[in-house]
PDB file of all heavy atoms in Angstrom:
ATOM      1  N   GLN A   1      34.590 -27.251  32.855  1.00  0.00           N
ATOM      2  CA  GLN A   1      34.984 -27.662  34.191  1.00  0.00           C
ATOM      3  C   GLN A   1      36.496 -27.632  34.316  1.00  0.00           C
ATOM      4  O   GLN A   1      37.213 -27.546  33.329  1.00  0.00           O
ATOM      5  CB  GLN A   1      34.454 -29.066  34.497  1.00  0.00           C
ATOM      6  CG  GLN A   1      32.947 -29.165  34.512  1.00  0.00           C
ATOM      7  CD  GLN A   1      32.480 -30.536  34.967  1.00  0.00           C
ATOM      8  OE1 GLN A   1      33.243 -31.296  35.558  1.00  0.00           O
ATOM      9  NE2 GLN A   1      31.228 -30.841  34.687  1.00  0.00           N
ATOM     10  N   VAL A   2      36.954 -27.704  35.570  1.00  0.00           N
ATOM     11  CA  VAL A   2      38.377 -27.725  35.869  1.00  0.00           C
ATOM     12  C   VAL A   2      38.804 -29.160  36.104  1.00  0.00           C
ATOM     13  O   VAL A   2      38.158 -29.899  36.857  1.00  0.00           O
ATOM     14  CB  VAL A   2      38.699 -26.866  37.095  1.00  0.00           C
ATOM     15  CG1 VAL A   2      40.174 -27.003  37.476  1.00  0.00           C
ATOM     16  CG2 VAL A   2      38.352 -25.415  36.822  1.00  0.00           C
ATOM     17  N   GLN A   3      39.889 -29.545  35.472  1.00  0.00           N
ATOM     18  CA  GLN A   3      40.470 -30.862  35.679  1.00  0.00           C
ATOM     19  C   GLN A   3      41.826 -30.711  36.355  1.00  0.00           C
ATOM     20  O   GLN A   3      42.629 -29.866  35.971  1.00  0.00           O
ATOM     21  CB  GLN A   3      40.614 -31.609  34.351  1.00  0.00           C
ATOM     22  CG  GLN A   3      39.277 -31.929  33.693  1.00  0.00           C
ATOM     23  CD  GLN A   3      39.444 -32.617  32.358  1.00  0.00           C
ATOM     24  OE1 GLN A   3      40.464 -32.474  31.697  1.00  0.00           O
ATOM     25  NE2 GLN A   3      38.428 -33.370  31.966  1.00  0.00           N
ATOM     26  N   LEU A   4      42.072 -31.546  37.357  1.00  0.00           N
ATOM     27  CA  LEU A   4      43.299 -31.501  38.129  1.00  0.00           C
ATOM     28  C   LEU A   4      43.961 -32.869  38.096  1.00  0.00           C
ATOM     29  O   LEU A   4      43.308 -33.883  38.344  1.00  0.00           O
ATOM     30  CB  LEU A   4      43.012 -31.103  39.581  1.00  0.00           C
ATOM     31  CG  LEU A   4      42.282 -29.778  39.789  1.00  0.00           C
ATOM     32  CD1 LEU A   4      41.905 -29.602  41.262  1.00  0.00           C
ATOM     33  CD2 LEU A   4      43.153 -28.613  39.329  1.00  0.00           C
ATOM     34  N   VAL A   5      45.244 -32.890  37.800  1.00  0.00           N
ATOM     35  CA  VAL A   5      46.000 -34.127  37.717  1.00  0.00           C
ATOM     36  C   VAL A   5      47.212 -34.026  38.627  1.00  0.00           C
ATOM     37  O   VAL A   5      48.061 -33.151  38.437  1.00  0.00           O
ATOM     38  CB  VAL A   5      46.434 -34.434  36.276  1.00  0.00           C
ATOM     39  CG1 VAL A   5      47.234 -35.734  36.231  1.00  0.00           C
ATOM     40  CG2 VAL A   5      45.221 -34.538  35.364  1.00  0.00           C
ATOM     41  N   GLU A   6      47.289 -34.931  39.613  1.00  0.00           N
ATOM     42  CA  GLU A   6      48.401 -34.948  40.548  1.00  0.00           C
ATOM     43  C   GLU A   6      49.469 -35.938  40.102  1.00  0.00           C
ATOM     44  O   GLU A   6      49.185 -36.909  39.399  1.00  0.00           O
ATOM     45  CB  GLU A   6      47.931 -35.334  41.961  1.00  0.00           C
ATOM     46  CG  GLU A   6      46.839 -34.453  42.521  1.00  0.00           C
ATOM     47  CD  GLU A   6      45.497 -35.136  42.515  1.00  0.00           C
ATOM     48  OE1 GLU A   6      45.255 -35.962  41.607  1.00  0.00           O
ATOM     49  OE2 GLU A   6      44.682 -34.851  43.422  1.00  0.00           O
ATOM     50  N   SER A   7      50.684 -35.695  40.570  1.00  0.00           N
ATOM     51  CA  SER A   7      51.783 -36.611  40.342  1.00  0.00           C
ATOM     52  C   SER A   7      52.798 -36.449  41.465  1.00  0.00           C
ATOM     53  O   SER A   7      52.814 -35.434  42.156  1.00  0.00           O
ATOM     54  CB  SER A   7      52.446 -36.367  38.984  1.00  0.00           C
ATOM     55  OG  SER A   7      53.005 -35.068  38.910  1.00  0.00           O
ATOM     56  N   GLY A   8      53.639 -37.454  41.644  1.00  0.00           N
ATOM     57  CA  GLY A   8      54.736 -37.362  42.588  1.00  0.00           C
ATOM     58  C   GLY A   8      54.583 -38.145  43.868  1.00  0.00           C
ATOM     59  O   GLY A   8      55.503 -38.166  44.689  1.00  0.00           O
ATOM     60  N   GLY A   9      53.451 -38.794  44.076  1.00  0.00           N
ATOM     61  CA  GLY A   9      53.274 -39.580  45.281  1.00  0.00           C
ATOM     62  C   GLY A   9      54.106 -40.845  45.249  1.00  0.00           C
ATOM     63  O   GLY A   9      54.673 -41.226  44.226  1.00  0.00           O
ATOM     64  N   GLY A  10      54.182 -41.498  46.400  1.00  0.00           N
ATOM     65  CA  GLY A  10      54.935 -42.730  46.479  1.00  0.00           C
ATOM     66  C   GLY A  10      55.274 -43.109  47.897  1.00  0.00           C
ATOM     67  O   GLY A  10      54.724 -42.576  48.858  1.00  0.00           O
ATOM     68  N   LEU A  11      56.194 -44.047  48.019  1.00  0.00           N
ATOM     69  CA  LEU A  11      56.660 -44.557  49.309  1.00  0.00           C
ATOM     70  C   LEU A  11      57.997 -43.926  49.645  1.00  0.00           C
ATOM     71  O   LEU A  11      58.912 -43.912  48.813  1.00  0.00           O
ATOM     72  CB  LEU A  11      56.790 -46.078  49.258  1.00  0.00           C
ATOM     73  CG  LEU A  11      57.402 -46.776  50.467  1.00  0.00           C
ATOM     74  CD1 LEU A  11      56.509 -46.594  51.694  1.00  0.00           C
ATOM     75  CD2 LEU A  11      57.621 -48.247  50.166  1.00  0.00           C
ATOM     76  N   VAL A  12      58.124 -43.414  50.862  1.00  0.00           N
ATOM     77  CA  VAL A  12      59.344 -42.756  51.286  1.00  0.00           C
ATOM     78  C   VAL A  12      59.600 -43.064  52.759  1.00  0.00           C
ATOM     79  O   VAL A  12      58.664 -43.265  53.534  1.00  0.00           O
ATOM     80  CB  VAL A  12      59.263 -41.230  51.045  1.00  0.00           C
ATOM     81  CG1 VAL A  12      58.179 -40.601  51.912  1.00  0.00           C
ATOM     82  CG2 VAL A  12      60.605 -40.558  51.276  1.00  0.00           C
ATOM     83  N   GLN A  13      60.861 -43.119  53.142  1.00  0.00           N
ATOM     84  CA  GLN A  13      61.223 -43.376  54.531  1.00  0.00           C
ATOM     85  C   GLN A  13      61.095 -42.124  55.376  1.00  0.00           C
ATOM     86  O   GLN A  13      61.226 -41.008  54.867  1.00  0.00           O
ATOM     87  CB  GLN A  13      62.655 -43.911  54.609  1.00  0.00           C
ATOM     88  CG  GLN A  13      62.852 -45.280  53.983  1.00  0.00           C
ATOM     89  CD  GLN A  13      64.270 -45.785  54.135  1.00  0.00           C
ATOM     90  OE1 GLN A  13      65.194 -45.014  54.340  1.00  0.00           O
ATOM     91  NE2 GLN A  13      64.433 -47.090  54.048  1.00  0.00           N
ATOM     92  N   PRO A  14      60.816 -42.272  56.674  1.00  0.00           N
ATOM     93  CA  PRO A  14      60.741 -41.096  57.549  1.00  0.00           C
ATOM     94  C   PRO A  14      62.002 -40.249  57.468  1.00  0.00           C
ATOM     95  O   PRO A  14      63.117 -40.771  57.405  1.00  0.00           O
ATOM     96  CB  PRO A  14      60.559 -41.704  58.940  1.00  0.00           C
ATOM     97  CG  PRO A  14      59.930 -43.033  58.689  1.00  0.00           C
ATOM     98  CD  PRO A  14      60.523 -43.515  57.393  1.00  0.00           C
ATOM     99  N   GLY A  15      61.810 -38.937  57.472  1.00  0.00           N
ATOM    100  CA  GLY A  15      62.915 -38.001  57.382  1.00  0.00           C
ATOM    101  C   GLY A  15      63.297 -37.614  55.968  1.00  0.00           C
ATOM    102  O   GLY A  15      64.054 -36.650  55.788  1.00  0.00           O
ATOM    103  N   ARG A  16      62.811 -38.344  54.994  1.00  0.00           N
ATOM    104  CA  ARG A  16      63.118 -38.042  53.602  1.00  0.00           C
ATOM    105  C   ARG A  16      62.129 -37.026  53.036  1.00  0.00           C
ATOM    106  O   ARG A  16      61.224 -36.551  53.734  1.00  0.00           O
ATOM    107  CB  ARG A  16      63.109 -39.326  52.766  1.00  0.00           C
ATOM    108  CG  ARG A  16      64.106 -40.374  53.242  1.00  0.00           C
ATOM    109  CD  ARG A  16      65.541 -39.904  53.031  1.00  0.00           C
ATOM    110  NE  ARG A  16      65.861 -39.745  51.623  1.00  0.00           N
ATOM    111  CZ  ARG A  16      66.310 -40.719  50.834  1.00  0.00           C
ATOM    112  NH1 ARG A  16      66.493 -41.947  51.321  1.00  0.00           N
ATOM    113  NH2 ARG A  16      66.577 -40.477  49.565  1.00  0.00           N
ATOM    114  N   SER A  17      62.301 -36.698  51.765  1.00  0.00           N
ATOM    115  CA  SER A  17      61.503 -35.673  51.113  1.00  0.00           C
ATOM    116  C   SER A  17      60.753 -36.225  49.914  1.00  0.00           C
ATOM    117  O   SER A  17      61.145 -37.236  49.321  1.00  0.00           O
ATOM    118  CB  SER A  17      62.390 -34.509  50.655  1.00  0.00           C
ATOM    119  OG  SER A  17      63.027 -33.879  51.751  1.00  0.00           O
ATOM    120  N   LEU A  18      59.690 -35.534  49.569  1.00  0.00           N
ATOM    121  CA  LEU A  18      58.884 -35.886  48.412  1.00  0.00           C
ATOM    122  C   LEU A  18      58.273 -34.605  47.867  1.00  0.00           C
ATOM    123  O   LEU A  18      57.976 -33.682  48.636  1.00  0.00           O
ATOM    124  CB  LEU A  18      57.789 -36.876  48.808  1.00  0.00           C
ATOM    125  CG  LEU A  18      57.184 -37.781  47.730  1.00  0.00           C
ATOM    126  CD1 LEU A  18      58.253 -38.690  47.134  1.00  0.00           C
ATOM    127  CD2 LEU A  18      56.065 -38.616  48.335  1.00  0.00           C
ATOM    128  N   ARG A  19      58.086 -34.546  46.564  1.00  0.00           N
ATOM    129  CA  ARG A  19      57.504 -33.372  45.934  1.00  0.00           C
ATOM    130  C   ARG A  19      56.291 -33.783  45.109  1.00  0.00           C
ATOM    131  O   ARG A  19      56.388 -34.637  44.233  1.00  0.00           O
ATOM    132  CB  ARG A  19      58.526 -32.662  45.035  1.00  0.00           C
ATOM    133  CG  ARG A  19      58.025 -31.346  44.435  1.00  0.00           C
ATOM    134  CD  ARG A  19      59.124 -30.655  43.639  1.00  0.00           C
ATOM    135  NE  ARG A  19      58.692 -29.410  43.035  1.00  0.00           N
ATOM    136  CZ  ARG A  19      58.724 -28.224  43.630  1.00  0.00           C
ATOM    137  NH1 ARG A  19      59.192 -28.123  44.874  1.00  0.00           N
ATOM    138  NH2 ARG A  19      58.305 -27.136  43.003  1.00  0.00           N
ATOM    139  N   LEU A  20      55.154 -33.158  45.393  1.00  0.00           N
ATOM    140  CA  LEU A  20      53.927 -33.387  44.660  1.00  0.00           C
ATOM    141  C   LEU A  20      53.687 -32.245  43.684  1.00  0.00           C
ATOM    142  O   LEU A  20      54.035 -31.097  43.955  1.00  0.00           O
ATOM    143  CB  LEU A  20      52.730 -33.503  45.604  1.00  0.00           C
ATOM    144  CG  LEU A  20      52.809 -34.537  46.725  1.00  0.00           C
ATOM    145  CD1 LEU A  20      51.523 -34.519  47.535  1.00  0.00           C
ATOM    146  CD2 LEU A  20      53.077 -35.922  46.162  1.00  0.00           C
ATOM    147  N   SER A  21      53.060 -32.562  42.567  1.00  0.00           N
ATOM    148  CA  SER A  21      52.746 -31.553  41.569  1.00  0.00           C
ATOM    149  C   SER A  21      51.321 -31.753  41.086  1.00  0.00           C
ATOM    150  O   SER A  21      50.827 -32.880  41.024  1.00  0.00           O
ATOM    151  CB  SER A  21      53.719 -31.630  40.389  1.00  0.00           C
ATOM    152  OG  SER A  21      53.461 -30.609  39.445  1.00  0.00           O
ATOM    153  N   CYS A  22      50.665 -30.656  40.742  1.00  0.00           N
ATOM    154  CA  CYS A  22      49.292 -30.686  40.258  1.00  0.00           C
ATOM    155  C   CYS A  22      49.160 -29.733  39.081  1.00  0.00           C
ATOM    156  O   CYS A  22      49.549 -28.565  39.180  1.00  0.00           O
ATOM    157  CB  CYS A  22      48.320 -30.301  41.368  1.00  0.00           C
ATOM    158  SG  CYS A  22      46.596 -30.139  40.840  1.00  0.00           S
ATOM    159  N   ALA A  23      48.598 -30.227  37.995  1.00  0.00           N
ATOM    160  CA  ALA A  23      48.371 -29.417  36.806  1.00  0.00           C
ATOM    161  C   ALA A  23      46.876 -29.214  36.597  1.00  0.00           C
ATOM    162  O   ALA A  23      46.106 -30.179  36.631  1.00  0.00           O
ATOM    163  CB  ALA A  23      48.993 -30.076  35.578  1.00  0.00           C
ATOM    164  N   ALA A  24      46.468 -27.972  36.374  1.00  0.00           N
ATOM    165  CA  ALA A  24      45.075 -27.631  36.153  1.00  0.00           C
ATOM    166  C   ALA A  24      44.822 -27.360  34.680  1.00  0.00           C
ATOM    167  O   ALA A  24      45.649 -26.754  33.995  1.00  0.00           O
ATOM    168  CB  ALA A  24      44.679 -26.405  36.977  1.00  0.00           C
ATOM    169  N   SER A  25      43.667 -27.794  34.207  1.00  0.00           N
ATOM    170  CA  SER A  25      43.278 -27.545  32.829  1.00  0.00           C
ATOM    171  C   SER A  25      41.767 -27.370  32.763  1.00  0.00           C
ATOM    172  O   SER A  25      41.049 -27.648  33.724  1.00  0.00           O
ATOM    173  CB  SER A  25      43.723 -28.685  31.906  1.00  0.00           C
ATOM    174  OG  SER A  25      43.108 -29.905  32.277  1.00  0.00           O
ATOM    175  N   GLY A  26      41.282 -26.895  31.621  1.00  0.00           N
ATOM    176  CA  GLY A  26      39.864 -26.654  31.443  1.00  0.00           C
ATOM    177  C   GLY A  26      39.523 -25.193  31.630  1.00  0.00           C
ATOM    178  O   GLY A  26      40.259 -24.313  31.196  1.00  0.00           O
ATOM    179  N   SER A  27      38.404 -24.934  32.296  1.00  0.00           N
ATOM    180  CA  SER A  27      37.941 -23.564  32.540  1.00  0.00           C
ATOM    181  C   SER A  27      38.613 -23.009  33.788  1.00  0.00           C
ATOM    182  O   SER A  27      38.030 -22.971  34.875  1.00  0.00           O
ATOM    183  CB  SER A  27      36.418 -23.540  32.675  1.00  0.00           C
ATOM    184  OG  SER A  27      35.780 -24.035  31.512  1.00  0.00           O
ATOM    185  N   ILE A  28      39.841 -22.557  33.633  1.00  0.00           N
ATOM    186  CA  ILE A  28      40.666 -22.150  34.770  1.00  0.00           C
ATOM    187  C   ILE A  28      40.677 -20.647  34.994  1.00  0.00           C
ATOM    188  O   ILE A  28      41.375 -20.169  35.893  1.00  0.00           O
ATOM    189  CB  ILE A  28      42.111 -22.640  34.587  1.00  0.00           C
ATOM    190  CG1 ILE A  28      42.723 -22.013  33.333  1.00  0.00           C
ATOM    191  CG2 ILE A  28      42.144 -24.160  34.514  1.00  0.00           C
ATOM    192  CD1 ILE A  28      44.184 -22.349  33.131  1.00  0.00           C
ATOM    193  N   ASP A  29      39.888 -19.901  34.223  1.00  0.00           N
ATOM    194  CA  ASP A  29      39.952 -18.442  34.246  1.00  0.00           C
ATOM    195  C   ASP A  29      39.738 -17.843  35.630  1.00  0.00           C
ATOM    196  O   ASP A  29      40.415 -16.886  36.002  1.00  0.00           O
ATOM    197  CB  ASP A  29      38.915 -17.864  33.286  1.00  0.00           C
ATOM    198  CG  ASP A  29      38.975 -18.470  31.906  1.00  0.00           C
ATOM    199  OD1 ASP A  29      38.878 -19.708  31.803  1.00  0.00           O
ATOM    200  OD2 ASP A  29      39.097 -17.712  30.929  1.00  0.00           O
TER     201      ASP A  29
END
């Protein structure tokens, strides 16, 4: 199976920026 792990979420003020990332592992072929 494919496993997905997210990171980078949080609290931010309007107008600001945020970056999310996701790493995939397992049967990713």
